[in-house]
Structure formats: structure tokens, C-alpha cells
Amino acid sequence: MGDVTVRVLEPGDEALVEAFLQPRLDSSMFLLANSRRAGLAYRDELYHGVYAGAFNGDGEIVALASHFWNGVMNLQAPGHLEAVCRAAVEASGRPVRGAVGPTEQAAACVALYDLPETGDAVQLNAHENLYALDLDELRLPEALADGRVIGWRRATASRLST
């Protein structure tokens, strides 16, 4: 594993998690939202997970896996996937029931734990395309820029119904 150290994350590691996930936001929404909502201290409750991270020699996270309360492994592990998965599962003590994350990572986790890909036990096995927009590339529509359209209003339920 080289200079990489793997350990279970704990309260106080939140800034490291944020720093790792922010550049990968478009494929880390569940990890980020759940870590913010429930924190890094595991309880057997909704949104909670046991988080394991691989750290480089500078103490930065380079891979992350969380084994959530429902048995689903959530991944952002471009490397060291097996190591962070095994650390999270060992700490949680629960079986792995599924995997969520970038397609290749989820497939590797499914293979690692020999999970079925089809059949009655499988609720969903799908590749979902994710789209990201660099806000620096966002451009004002021509009709707004040249004044043909002015103003805007927020949609409300009364304006949406017919």
C-alpha cells in the first residue's frame, strides 16, 4: 500500500472528509450529505455509517468508504478500495448488502463481497449517468443578456397548477 495508512474515521475528521469529497462532489453526494447530517460517530440509526479512509503521507484522505446502517457500502475510492471497504466492514460488524458510488468502484465492491447482480435478492442494479456543470462555464441566456426578457419569479404551487 506504500505510504498509505487506513483507519476508521472519527469526530474531528470532518474537515478531511470535506476536503476529499468537495472536488468529487458530483459522485459523492450521499457520502457528503450523510457525513454532514449524522456525523462520523456511528450509531445504528438512519444516515449513519462507519467511515474508513486511506491517508497519504501528508495526512490527506485519498480514498473513502462508509458502511451505512442499512448495509450499503458507499464509495469514493479511486484507489485502495479493498482496504477502505474491509476496514469499514470490520468496524461495523455487519454484512454488505449493496454498493453505491462511481460505477467501477461499486462493481469492484460487489465483486469483493460476492454480491448477486441479478435475481430476487436484488432490488436495483443500475448505472446512473451523472452530470456536472462547472459554474464558471455557466452563461447568461441571450434573451436575458440583451433585454428581451426581464425579471423572473420563483415558481410556487399556485403558479404551477392549471
N, C-alpha and C. Protein backbone atom coordinates (compact mmCIF):
# COMPACT_ATOMS: atom_id res chain seq x y z
N MET A 1 0.81 -1.19 0.00
CA MET A 1 0.00 0.00 0.00
C MET A 1 0.85 1.26 0.00
N GLY A 2 2.16 1.15 0.07
CA GLY A 2 3.01 2.33 0.02
C GLY A 2 2.88 3.17 1.27
N ASP A 3 2.81 4.47 1.09
CA ASP A 3 2.73 5.43 2.20
C ASP A 3 1.32 5.59 2.73
N VAL A 4 0.41 4.72 2.38
CA VAL A 4 -1.00 4.89 2.75
C VAL A 4 -1.29 4.17 4.07
N THR A 5 -2.02 4.87 4.93
CA THR A 5 -2.49 4.31 6.19
C THR A 5 -4.01 4.29 6.14
N VAL A 6 -4.62 3.21 6.57
CA VAL A 6 -6.07 3.09 6.58
C VAL A 6 -6.55 3.04 8.02
N ARG A 7 -7.59 3.83 8.30
CA ARG A 7 -8.17 3.80 9.64
C ARG A 7 -9.63 4.22 9.58
N VAL A 8 -10.37 3.87 10.63
CA VAL A 8 -11.75 4.29 10.77
C VAL A 8 -11.75 5.76 11.18
N LEU A 9 -12.62 6.53 10.55
CA LEU A 9 -12.70 7.96 10.85
C LEU A 9 -13.51 8.19 12.12
N GLU A 10 -13.29 9.33 12.72
CA GLU A 10 -13.97 9.66 13.97
C GLU A 10 -14.27 11.15 14.00
N PRO A 11 -15.09 11.57 14.95
CA PRO A 11 -15.35 13.00 15.08
C PRO A 11 -14.02 13.76 15.16
N GLY A 12 -13.96 14.85 14.43
CA GLY A 12 -12.71 15.61 14.31
C GLY A 12 -12.09 15.46 12.93
N ASP A 13 -12.52 14.42 12.18
CA ASP A 13 -12.01 14.19 10.83
C ASP A 13 -12.88 14.84 9.76
N GLU A 14 -13.90 15.60 10.15
CA GLU A 14 -14.87 16.15 9.19
C GLU A 14 -14.20 17.03 8.12
N ALA A 15 -13.25 17.85 8.52
CA ALA A 15 -12.59 18.74 7.54
C ALA A 15 -11.82 17.94 6.51
N LEU A 16 -11.23 16.83 6.92
CA LEU A 16 -10.51 15.97 5.98
C LEU A 16 -11.48 15.33 4.98
N VAL A 17 -12.64 14.91 5.48
CA VAL A 17 -13.67 14.32 4.61
C VAL A 17 -14.14 15.36 3.60
N GLU A 18 -14.44 16.56 4.07
CA GLU A 18 -14.89 17.65 3.18
C GLU A 18 -13.83 17.95 2.12
N ALA A 19 -12.58 18.05 2.53
CA ALA A 19 -11.51 18.38 1.58
C ALA A 19 -11.37 17.31 0.50
N PHE A 20 -11.59 16.06 0.85
CA PHE A 20 -11.50 14.98 -0.13
C PHE A 20 -12.72 14.92 -1.04
N LEU A 21 -13.91 15.10 -0.47
CA LEU A 21 -15.13 14.93 -1.25
C LEU A 21 -15.50 16.14 -2.11
N GLN A 22 -15.18 17.35 -1.68
CA GLN A 22 -15.58 18.54 -2.45
C GLN A 22 -15.15 18.50 -3.91
N PRO A 23 -13.91 18.14 -4.23
CA PRO A 23 -13.53 18.08 -5.65
C PRO A 23 -14.22 16.94 -6.41
N ARG A 24 -14.87 16.04 -5.71
CA ARG A 24 -15.55 14.89 -6.31
C ARG A 24 -17.05 14.95 -6.01
N LEU A 25 -17.55 16.14 -5.84
CA LEU A 25 -18.91 16.37 -5.37
C LEU A 25 -19.96 15.68 -6.23
N ASP A 26 -19.80 15.69 -7.55
CA ASP A 26 -20.82 15.12 -8.42
C ASP A 26 -20.98 13.62 -8.24
N SER A 27 -20.01 12.94 -7.65
CA SER A 27 -20.16 11.50 -7.41
C SER A 27 -20.03 11.15 -5.93
N SER A 28 -20.20 12.15 -5.06
CA SER A 28 -20.06 11.93 -3.62
C SER A 28 -21.22 12.49 -2.81
N MET A 29 -22.35 12.70 -3.44
CA MET A 29 -23.46 13.39 -2.77
C MET A 29 -23.94 12.66 -1.52
N PHE A 30 -24.11 11.34 -1.57
CA PHE A 30 -24.59 10.61 -0.41
C PHE A 30 -23.57 10.62 0.72
N LEU A 31 -22.32 10.39 0.38
CA LEU A 31 -21.28 10.41 1.41
C LEU A 31 -21.23 11.76 2.10
N LEU A 32 -21.24 12.82 1.32
CA LEU A 32 -21.13 14.15 1.90
C LEU A 32 -22.37 14.51 2.72
N ALA A 33 -23.54 14.27 2.15
CA ALA A 33 -24.78 14.62 2.85
C ALA A 33 -24.92 13.83 4.15
N ASN A 34 -24.65 12.54 4.11
CA ASN A 34 -24.81 11.72 5.31
C ASN A 34 -23.76 12.05 6.37
N SER A 35 -22.53 12.33 5.95
CA SER A 35 -21.50 12.68 6.94
C SER A 35 -21.84 14.01 7.61
N ARG A 36 -22.40 14.93 6.84
CA ARG A 36 -22.81 16.21 7.43
C ARG A 36 -24.01 16.04 8.36
N ARG A 37 -24.95 15.24 7.94
CA ARG A 37 -26.20 15.09 8.70
C ARG A 37 -26.01 14.27 9.99
N ALA A 38 -25.30 13.17 9.89
CA ALA A 38 -25.19 12.25 11.02
C ALA A 38 -23.84 12.33 11.73
N GLY A 39 -22.86 12.92 11.09
CA GLY A 39 -21.54 12.97 11.70
C GLY A 39 -20.77 11.68 11.47
N LEU A 40 -19.60 11.61 12.08
CA LEU A 40 -18.72 10.47 11.87
C LEU A 40 -18.75 9.47 13.02
N ALA A 41 -19.47 9.78 14.09
CA ALA A 41 -19.63 8.84 15.20
C ALA A 41 -20.82 7.94 14.87
N TYR A 42 -20.57 6.65 14.72
CA TYR A 42 -21.62 5.73 14.28
C TYR A 42 -22.61 5.41 15.39
N ARG A 43 -23.89 5.45 14.99
CA ARG A 43 -24.99 4.91 15.79
C ARG A 43 -25.85 4.12 14.82
N ASP A 44 -26.52 3.12 15.28
CA ASP A 44 -27.36 2.28 14.42
C ASP A 44 -28.66 3.02 14.11
N GLU A 45 -28.53 4.09 13.34
CA GLU A 45 -29.66 4.95 13.01
C GLU A 45 -29.56 5.39 11.56
N LEU A 46 -30.67 5.88 11.08
CA LEU A 46 -30.77 6.41 9.72
C LEU A 46 -29.64 7.40 9.44
N TYR A 47 -29.04 7.30 8.27
CA TYR A 47 -27.98 8.18 7.76
C TYR A 47 -26.61 7.94 8.37
N HIS A 48 -26.48 7.06 9.35
CA HIS A 48 -25.20 6.82 9.99
C HIS A 48 -24.41 5.76 9.26
N GLY A 49 -23.11 5.91 9.29
CA GLY A 49 -22.23 4.93 8.70
C GLY A 49 -20.91 4.89 9.44
N VAL A 50 -20.21 3.78 9.27
CA VAL A 50 -18.84 3.66 9.74
C VAL A 50 -17.96 4.06 8.56
N TYR A 51 -17.19 5.12 8.73
CA TYR A 51 -16.36 5.66 7.66
C TYR A 51 -14.92 5.19 7.85
N ALA A 52 -14.32 4.73 6.76
CA ALA A 52 -12.90 4.37 6.78
C ALA A 52 -12.21 5.13 5.67
N GLY A 53 -11.03 5.63 5.98
CA GLY A 53 -10.29 6.40 5.00
C GLY A 53 -8.88 5.88 4.83
N ALA A 54 -8.36 6.06 3.62
CA ALA A 54 -6.95 5.80 3.35
C ALA A 54 -6.28 7.17 3.31
N PHE A 55 -5.19 7.31 4.04
CA PHE A 55 -4.48 8.58 4.17
C PHE A 55 -3.10 8.49 3.54
N ASN A 56 -2.71 9.53 2.80
CA ASN A 56 -1.37 9.57 2.24
C ASN A 56 -0.39 10.05 3.30
N GLY A 57 0.87 10.17 2.94
CA GLY A 57 1.91 10.58 3.88
C GLY A 57 1.73 11.98 4.43
N ASP A 58 0.95 12.81 3.72
CA ASP A 58 0.67 14.17 4.19
C ASP A 58 -0.56 14.25 5.08
N GLY A 59 -1.19 13.09 5.36
CA GLY A 59 -2.37 13.07 6.22
C GLY A 59 -3.66 13.42 5.51
N GLU A 60 -3.64 13.42 4.17
CA GLU A 60 -4.85 13.71 3.39
C GLU A 60 -5.55 12.42 3.02
N ILE A 61 -6.87 12.45 3.00
CA ILE A 61 -7.63 11.29 2.57
C ILE A 61 -7.48 11.11 1.06
N VAL A 62 -7.21 9.88 0.64
CA VAL A 62 -7.10 9.57 -0.78
C VAL A 62 -8.14 8.54 -1.22
N ALA A 63 -8.85 7.95 -0.26
CA ALA A 63 -9.93 7.00 -0.55
C ALA A 63 -10.83 6.95 0.68
N LEU A 64 -12.13 6.74 0.41
CA LEU A 64 -13.10 6.75 1.50
C LEU A 64 -14.20 5.74 1.21
N ALA A 65 -14.60 5.02 2.25
CA ALA A 65 -15.75 4.11 2.15
C ALA A 65 -16.53 4.24 3.44
N SER A 66 -17.84 4.15 3.33
CA SER A 66 -18.69 4.15 4.52
C SER A 66 -19.66 2.99 4.41
N HIS A 67 -19.76 2.24 5.50
CA HIS A 67 -20.70 1.13 5.57
C HIS A 67 -21.88 1.63 6.38
N PHE A 68 -22.98 1.92 5.68
CA PHE A 68 -24.12 2.58 6.30
C PHE A 68 -24.98 1.62 7.11
N TRP A 69 -25.84 2.21 7.92
CA TRP A 69 -26.74 1.49 8.83
C TRP A 69 -27.54 0.41 8.12
N ASN A 70 -27.82 0.59 6.82
CA ASN A 70 -28.65 -0.35 6.07
C ASN A 70 -27.84 -1.43 5.36
N GLY A 71 -26.54 -1.47 5.60
CA GLY A 71 -25.68 -2.49 4.99
C GLY A 71 -25.08 -2.08 3.66
N VAL A 72 -25.43 -0.91 3.16
CA VAL A 72 -24.92 -0.46 1.86
C VAL A 72 -23.57 0.22 2.05
N MET A 73 -22.63 -0.16 1.20
CA MET A 73 -21.31 0.45 1.18
C MET A 73 -21.36 1.63 0.22
N ASN A 74 -20.93 2.78 0.67
CA ASN A 74 -20.89 3.98 -0.16
C ASN A 74 -19.44 4.34 -0.38
N LEU A 75 -19.07 4.59 -1.63
CA LEU A 75 -17.66 4.66 -2.01
C LEU A 75 -17.26 5.95 -2.70
N GLN A 76 -16.06 6.37 -2.40
CA GLN A 76 -15.32 7.33 -3.20
C GLN A 76 -13.87 6.91 -3.00
N ALA A 77 -13.51 5.88 -3.74
CA ALA A 77 -12.21 5.24 -3.55
C ALA A 77 -11.54 5.00 -4.89
N PRO A 78 -10.95 6.04 -5.46
CA PRO A 78 -10.27 5.87 -6.75
C PRO A 78 -9.06 4.94 -6.66
N GLY A 79 -8.62 4.66 -5.47
CA GLY A 79 -7.57 3.68 -5.19
C GLY A 79 -7.83 3.11 -3.81
N HIS A 80 -7.15 2.04 -3.46
CA HIS A 80 -7.23 1.48 -2.11
C HIS A 80 -8.65 1.07 -1.71
N LEU A 81 -9.48 0.73 -2.71
CA LEU A 81 -10.87 0.39 -2.45
C LEU A 81 -11.01 -0.79 -1.50
N GLU A 82 -10.29 -1.85 -1.77
CA GLU A 82 -10.42 -3.04 -0.93
C GLU A 82 -10.04 -2.73 0.51
N ALA A 83 -9.00 -1.97 0.72
CA ALA A 83 -8.53 -1.67 2.08
C ALA A 83 -9.55 -0.85 2.86
N VAL A 84 -10.14 0.18 2.24
CA VAL A 84 -11.11 1.00 2.98
C VAL A 84 -12.42 0.25 3.17
N CYS A 85 -12.81 -0.56 2.21
CA CYS A 85 -14.03 -1.37 2.38
C CYS A 85 -13.86 -2.34 3.54
N ARG A 86 -12.76 -3.04 3.55
CA ARG A 86 -12.54 -4.04 4.61
C ARG A 86 -12.47 -3.38 5.99
N ALA A 87 -11.86 -2.21 6.08
CA ALA A 87 -11.77 -1.52 7.38
C ALA A 87 -13.15 -1.10 7.86
N ALA A 88 -13.98 -0.57 6.94
CA ALA A 88 -15.33 -0.15 7.32
C ALA A 88 -16.20 -1.32 7.74
N VAL A 89 -16.12 -2.42 7.01
CA VAL A 89 -16.94 -3.60 7.32
C VAL A 89 -16.47 -4.26 8.62
N GLU A 90 -15.18 -4.34 8.81
CA GLU A 90 -14.66 -4.92 10.05
C GLU A 90 -15.13 -4.11 11.27
N ALA A 91 -15.11 -2.79 11.13
CA ALA A 91 -15.54 -1.93 12.25
C ALA A 91 -17.05 -1.99 12.45
N SER A 92 -17.81 -2.13 11.38
CA SER A 92 -19.28 -2.14 11.51
C SER A 92 -19.80 -3.48 12.03
N GLY A 93 -19.14 -4.57 11.64
CA GLY A 93 -19.58 -5.89 12.04
C GLY A 93 -20.84 -6.38 11.33
N ARG A 94 -21.24 -5.67 10.27
CA ARG A 94 -22.46 -6.04 9.54
C ARG A 94 -22.11 -6.57 8.16
N PRO A 95 -23.02 -7.35 7.57
CA PRO A 95 -22.77 -7.80 6.19
C PRO A 95 -22.99 -6.65 5.20
N VAL A 96 -22.35 -6.74 4.07
CA VAL A 96 -22.53 -5.78 2.99
C VAL A 96 -23.73 -6.23 2.17
N ARG A 97 -24.68 -5.32 1.96
CA ARG A 97 -25.90 -5.65 1.23
C ARG A 97 -25.97 -4.97 -0.13
N GLY A 98 -25.06 -4.02 -0.37
CA GLY A 98 -25.07 -3.32 -1.65
C GLY A 98 -23.94 -2.32 -1.71
N ALA A 99 -23.83 -1.66 -2.86
CA ALA A 99 -22.76 -0.69 -3.06
C ALA A 99 -23.29 0.48 -3.89
N VAL A 100 -22.87 1.68 -3.50
CA VAL A 100 -23.22 2.91 -4.22
C VAL A 100 -21.94 3.69 -4.41
N GLY A 101 -21.76 4.22 -5.60
CA GLY A 101 -20.58 5.03 -5.88
C GLY A 101 -20.31 5.03 -7.36
N PRO A 102 -19.18 5.60 -7.76
CA PRO A 102 -18.81 5.55 -9.17
C PRO A 102 -18.88 4.12 -9.68
N THR A 103 -19.35 3.96 -10.90
CA THR A 103 -19.67 2.64 -11.45
C THR A 103 -18.58 1.59 -11.24
N GLU A 104 -17.36 1.91 -11.60
CA GLU A 104 -16.27 0.94 -11.48
C GLU A 104 -16.02 0.56 -10.03
N GLN A 105 -16.15 1.53 -9.13
CA GLN A 105 -15.93 1.27 -7.71
C GLN A 105 -17.04 0.40 -7.13
N ALA A 106 -18.28 0.72 -7.48
CA ALA A 106 -19.40 -0.08 -7.00
C ALA A 106 -19.29 -1.52 -7.50
N ALA A 107 -18.92 -1.68 -8.77
CA ALA A 107 -18.75 -3.02 -9.34
C ALA A 107 -17.64 -3.78 -8.62
N ALA A 108 -16.55 -3.10 -8.29
CA ALA A 108 -15.45 -3.75 -7.58
C ALA A 108 -15.88 -4.18 -6.19
N CYS A 109 -16.69 -3.37 -5.53
CA CYS A 109 -17.20 -3.72 -4.19
C CYS A 109 -18.15 -4.91 -4.28
N VAL A 110 -19.02 -4.92 -5.27
CA VAL A 110 -19.94 -6.03 -5.47
C VAL A 110 -19.14 -7.33 -5.67
N ALA A 111 -18.08 -7.26 -6.46
CA ALA A 111 -17.24 -8.44 -6.69
C ALA A 111 -16.49 -8.84 -5.42
N LEU A 112 -15.99 -7.85 -4.68
CA LEU A 112 -15.23 -8.12 -3.46
C LEU A 112 -16.06 -8.90 -2.45
N TYR A 113 -17.33 -8.56 -2.34
CA TYR A 113 -18.21 -9.21 -1.36
C TYR A 113 -19.12 -10.26 -2.00
N ASP A 114 -18.85 -10.58 -3.26
CA ASP A 114 -19.57 -11.63 -3.98
C ASP A 114 -21.08 -11.44 -3.87
N LEU A 115 -21.53 -10.20 -4.07
CA LEU A 115 -22.96 -9.89 -4.00
C LEU A 115 -23.63 -10.28 -5.32
N PRO A 116 -24.86 -10.73 -5.27
CA PRO A 116 -25.56 -11.07 -6.52
C PRO A 116 -25.83 -9.81 -7.33
N GLU A 117 -25.74 -9.93 -8.63
CA GLU A 117 -26.02 -8.78 -9.50
C GLU A 117 -27.42 -8.83 -10.10
N THR A 118 -28.03 -10.00 -10.03
CA THR A 118 -29.40 -10.17 -10.53
C THR A 118 -30.12 -11.16 -9.62
N GLY A 119 -31.42 -11.26 -9.79
CA GLY A 119 -32.19 -12.23 -9.03
C GLY A 119 -33.13 -11.58 -8.03
N ASP A 120 -33.86 -12.42 -7.31
CA ASP A 120 -34.88 -11.94 -6.38
C ASP A 120 -34.31 -11.09 -5.25
N ALA A 121 -33.06 -11.33 -4.85
CA ALA A 121 -32.47 -10.60 -3.73
C ALA A 121 -32.02 -9.19 -4.13
N VAL A 122 -32.02 -8.89 -5.41
CA VAL A 122 -31.51 -7.60 -5.90
C VAL A 122 -32.67 -6.65 -6.15
N GLN A 123 -32.67 -5.53 -5.42
CA GLN A 123 -33.71 -4.53 -5.62
C GLN A 123 -33.39 -3.62 -6.80
N LEU A 124 -32.12 -3.26 -6.96
CA LEU A 124 -31.72 -2.35 -8.03
C LEU A 124 -30.26 -2.58 -8.36
N ASN A 125 -29.98 -2.71 -9.64
CA ASN A 125 -28.61 -2.77 -10.12
C ASN A 125 -28.59 -1.93 -11.39
N ALA A 126 -28.20 -0.68 -11.25
CA ALA A 126 -28.28 0.23 -12.38
C ALA A 126 -27.10 1.19 -12.40
N HIS A 127 -26.72 1.57 -13.58
CA HIS A 127 -25.72 2.61 -13.79
C HIS A 127 -26.49 3.89 -14.07
N GLU A 128 -26.28 4.90 -13.25
CA GLU A 128 -26.96 6.17 -13.46
C GLU A 128 -25.94 7.20 -13.93
N ASN A 129 -26.22 7.80 -15.07
CA ASN A 129 -25.33 8.84 -15.56
C ASN A 129 -25.47 10.09 -14.69
N LEU A 130 -24.35 10.63 -14.29
CA LEU A 130 -24.36 11.86 -13.51
C LEU A 130 -23.84 12.98 -14.39
N TYR A 131 -24.39 14.13 -14.21
CA TYR A 131 -23.98 15.29 -14.99
C TYR A 131 -23.52 16.38 -14.03
N ALA A 132 -22.47 17.05 -14.40
CA ALA A 132 -21.96 18.14 -13.59
C ALA A 132 -21.77 19.35 -14.49
N LEU A 133 -21.99 20.51 -13.93
CA LEU A 133 -21.82 21.75 -14.65
C LEU A 133 -20.83 22.61 -13.90
N ASP A 134 -19.75 22.98 -14.55
CA ASP A 134 -18.79 23.90 -13.96
C ASP A 134 -19.43 25.28 -13.98
N LEU A 135 -19.70 25.83 -12.82
CA LEU A 135 -20.41 27.11 -12.75
C LEU A 135 -19.65 28.24 -13.44
N ASP A 136 -18.34 28.11 -13.57
CA ASP A 136 -17.57 29.12 -14.33
C ASP A 136 -17.93 29.09 -15.81
N GLU A 137 -18.48 27.99 -16.27
CA GLU A 137 -18.87 27.85 -17.67
C GLU A 137 -20.32 28.28 -17.92
N LEU A 138 -21.06 28.54 -16.87
CA LEU A 138 -22.46 28.94 -16.99
C LEU A 138 -22.55 30.31 -17.64
N ARG A 139 -23.42 30.44 -18.62
CA ARG A 139 -23.56 31.70 -19.35
C ARG A 139 -25.00 32.20 -19.25
N LEU A 140 -25.15 33.49 -19.18
CA LEU A 140 -26.45 34.14 -19.16
C LEU A 140 -27.14 33.92 -20.50
N PRO A 141 -28.39 33.46 -20.52
CA PRO A 141 -29.09 33.27 -21.80
C PRO A 141 -29.15 34.59 -22.58
N GLU A 142 -29.04 34.49 -23.88
CA GLU A 142 -29.01 35.67 -24.75
C GLU A 142 -30.23 36.56 -24.53
N ALA A 143 -31.41 35.97 -24.36
CA ALA A 143 -32.63 36.76 -24.19
C ALA A 143 -32.57 37.61 -22.92
N LEU A 144 -31.93 37.13 -21.88
CA LEU A 144 -31.76 37.94 -20.67
C LEU A 144 -30.67 38.98 -20.87
N ALA A 145 -29.60 38.58 -21.52
CA ALA A 145 -28.46 39.48 -21.71
C ALA A 145 -28.83 40.68 -22.57
N ASP A 146 -29.67 40.47 -23.61
CA ASP A 146 -29.99 41.60 -24.49
C ASP A 146 -31.28 42.33 -24.11
N GLY A 147 -31.92 41.90 -23.02
CA GLY A 147 -33.08 42.62 -22.50
C GLY A 147 -34.42 42.22 -23.08
N ARG A 148 -34.46 41.21 -23.97
CA ARG A 148 -35.76 40.77 -24.49
C ARG A 148 -36.62 40.17 -23.39
N VAL A 149 -35.99 39.58 -22.41
CA VAL A 149 -36.69 39.03 -21.26
C VAL A 149 -36.13 39.74 -20.03
N ILE A 150 -37.03 40.24 -19.19
CA ILE A 150 -36.56 40.91 -17.99
C ILE A 150 -37.27 40.31 -16.77
N GLY A 151 -36.58 40.31 -15.67
CA GLY A 151 -37.15 39.84 -14.42
C GLY A 151 -37.35 38.33 -14.40
N TRP A 152 -37.78 37.88 -13.26
CA TRP A 152 -38.08 36.47 -13.05
C TRP A 152 -38.94 36.37 -11.82
N ARG A 153 -39.52 35.24 -11.62
CA ARG A 153 -40.27 34.99 -10.39
C ARG A 153 -40.09 33.54 -10.00
N ARG A 154 -40.12 33.31 -8.72
CA ARG A 154 -39.97 31.97 -8.19
C ARG A 154 -41.26 31.18 -8.44
N ALA A 155 -41.10 29.94 -8.87
CA ALA A 155 -42.26 29.08 -9.08
C ALA A 155 -42.90 28.75 -7.74
N THR A 156 -44.20 28.76 -7.69
CA THR A 156 -44.95 28.35 -6.49
C THR A 156 -45.99 27.34 -6.91
N ALA A 157 -46.53 26.63 -5.96
CA ALA A 157 -47.53 25.61 -6.27
C ALA A 157 -48.73 26.24 -6.99
N SER A 158 -49.16 27.43 -6.58
CA SER A 158 -50.33 28.06 -7.22
C SER A 158 -50.03 28.44 -8.67
N ARG A 159 -48.81 28.75 -8.98
CA ARG A 159 -48.45 29.10 -10.37
C ARG A 159 -48.23 27.87 -11.23
N LEU A 160 -47.97 26.72 -10.60
CA LEU A 160 -47.71 25.50 -11.36
C LEU A 160 -48.98 24.75 -11.69
N SER A 161 -50.03 24.93 -10.91
CA SER A 161 -51.26 24.17 -11.17
C SER A 161 -52.09 24.85 -12.26
N THR A 162 -52.87 24.05 -12.97
CA THR A 162 -53.69 24.61 -14.06
C THR A 162 -55.15 24.53 -13.73
